[in-house]
Amino acid sequence: MHDPVSRFVSDAIREMVELQVRESAPPEARRNVARLVGQGFLREEALALIGCVLSREMFNALDSGQPFDARRYTAALAMLPALPWDDDRPLPPTEGNPSGYAREA
């Protein structure tokens, strides 16, 4: 990742994930880091997976103009290491979007 803007965004997301884990807010962030590490992932890998879910949910909120969906976020955390865009995983539903994350046709 050589683009300075991409590096800045990546670092900011990483810092948000670290804060969520440190403050246990939401508690699912800390629990899922522990769960993933228990499954054999390195802590860095677990944080990166959570960052993927966080960035996807942030993008969805910005793209749709809707508030950040904390229920969908925590549901997606529980499904890690599967990611929201993995085709073979069920998607966490949410009110107003019962199918979960939008997929490209």
Protein backbone atom coordinates (compact mmCIF):
# COMPACT_ATOMS: atom_id res chain seq x y z
CA MET A 1 0.00 0.00 0.00
CA HIS A 2 2.11 2.86 -1.31
CA ASP A 3 -0.57 5.52 -1.71
CA PRO A 4 -0.32 7.93 1.27
CA VAL A 5 -4.10 8.38 1.41
CA SER A 6 -4.67 4.63 1.49
CA ARG A 7 -2.02 4.29 4.21
CA PHE A 8 -3.70 7.06 6.22
CA VAL A 9 -7.13 5.40 5.94
CA SER A 10 -5.70 1.99 6.80
CA ASP A 11 -3.92 3.41 9.85
CA ALA A 12 -7.08 5.23 10.97
CA ILE A 13 -9.18 2.06 10.72
CA ARG A 14 -6.51 0.12 12.57
CA GLU A 15 -6.54 2.75 15.34
CA MET A 16 -10.35 2.54 15.58
CA VAL A 17 -10.16 -1.25 15.92
CA GLU A 18 -7.42 -0.97 18.57
CA LEU A 19 -9.59 1.51 20.49
CA GLN A 20 -12.63 -0.78 20.27
CA VAL A 21 -10.59 -3.69 21.60
CA ARG A 22 -8.88 -1.66 24.32
CA GLU A 23 -12.12 -0.03 25.52
CA SER A 24 -14.24 -3.14 24.89
CA ALA A 25 -16.67 -0.92 23.02
CA PRO A 26 -18.34 -2.81 21.59
CA PRO A 27 -17.43 -5.81 23.76
CA GLU A 28 -17.74 -8.03 20.68
CA ALA A 29 -14.54 -6.50 19.28
CA ARG A 30 -12.42 -7.74 22.18
CA ARG A 31 -14.26 -11.08 22.35
CA ASN A 32 -13.73 -11.74 18.67
CA VAL A 33 -10.02 -10.91 18.79
CA ALA A 34 -9.70 -13.48 21.59
CA ARG A 35 -11.79 -16.01 19.66
CA LEU A 36 -9.79 -15.59 16.46
CA VAL A 37 -6.46 -15.81 18.30
CA GLY A 38 -7.79 -18.96 19.98
CA GLN A 39 -8.50 -20.35 16.51
CA GLY A 40 -4.85 -19.83 15.55
CA PHE A 41 -4.84 -16.38 13.97
CA LEU A 42 -2.12 -13.95 14.94
CA ARG A 43 -3.38 -10.92 16.86
CA GLU A 44 -2.44 -8.72 13.90
CA GLU A 45 -4.50 -10.92 11.58
CA ALA A 46 -7.49 -10.79 13.94
CA LEU A 47 -7.28 -6.99 14.10
CA ALA A 48 -7.04 -6.80 10.31
CA LEU A 49 -10.15 -8.99 9.92
CA ILE A 50 -12.09 -6.78 12.30
CA GLY A 51 -10.82 -3.75 10.37
CA CYS A 52 -12.23 -5.25 7.17
CA VAL A 53 -15.66 -5.60 8.77
CA LEU A 54 -15.50 -2.11 10.29
CA SER A 55 -14.47 -0.49 7.02
CA ARG A 56 -17.23 -2.30 5.13
CA GLU A 57 -19.86 -1.16 7.61
CA MET A 58 -18.51 2.40 7.51
CA PHE A 59 -18.65 2.34 3.71
CA ASN A 60 -22.23 1.03 3.81
CA ALA A 61 -23.25 3.84 6.17
CA LEU A 62 -21.63 6.52 4.01
CA ASP A 63 -22.91 5.03 0.77
CA SER A 64 -26.50 4.64 1.97
CA GLY A 65 -26.69 7.81 4.08
CA GLN A 66 -27.95 5.64 6.93
CA PRO A 67 -26.44 5.51 10.43
CA PHE A 68 -23.74 3.00 11.25
CA ASP A 69 -25.52 -0.31 11.90
CA ALA A 70 -24.00 -1.60 15.14
CA ARG A 71 -26.14 -4.75 15.14
CA ARG A 72 -25.03 -5.72 11.66
CA TYR A 73 -21.42 -4.89 12.58
CA THR A 74 -21.41 -7.11 15.66
CA ALA A 75 -23.21 -9.88 13.76
CA ALA A 76 -20.52 -9.73 11.07
CA LEU A 77 -17.79 -9.85 13.73
CA ALA A 78 -19.28 -13.09 15.04
CA MET A 79 -19.03 -14.58 11.55
CA LEU A 80 -15.30 -13.92 11.20
CA PRO A 81 -13.04 -15.19 9.70
CA ALA A 82 -15.65 -15.13 6.91
CA LEU A 83 -15.86 -11.62 5.53
CA PRO A 84 -19.01 -9.68 4.57
CA TRP A 85 -18.25 -10.04 0.87
CA ASP A 86 -17.49 -13.78 0.92
CA ASP A 87 -19.98 -15.41 -1.44
CA ASP A 88 -20.31 -18.59 0.56
CA ARG A 89 -21.35 -17.13 3.90
CA PRO A 90 -24.76 -16.09 5.10
CA LEU A 91 -25.07 -12.37 5.57
CA PRO A 92 -26.22 -10.75 8.81
CA PRO A 93 -29.66 -9.24 8.23
CA THR A 94 -30.63 -5.83 9.50
CA GLU A 95 -33.84 -3.86 9.76
CA GLY A 96 -34.45 -2.14 6.44
CA ASN A 97 -31.97 -4.45 4.71
CA PRO A 98 -33.10 -7.99 5.47
CA SER A 99 -30.61 -9.53 3.06
CA GLY A 100 -27.59 -7.94 4.74
CA TYR A 101 -24.85 -6.43 2.63
CA ALA A 102 -25.69 -5.51 -0.94
CA ARG A 103 -24.12 -7.68 -3.59
CA GLU A 104 -23.21 -6.78 -7.10
CA ALA A 105 -25.41 -8.57 -9.64
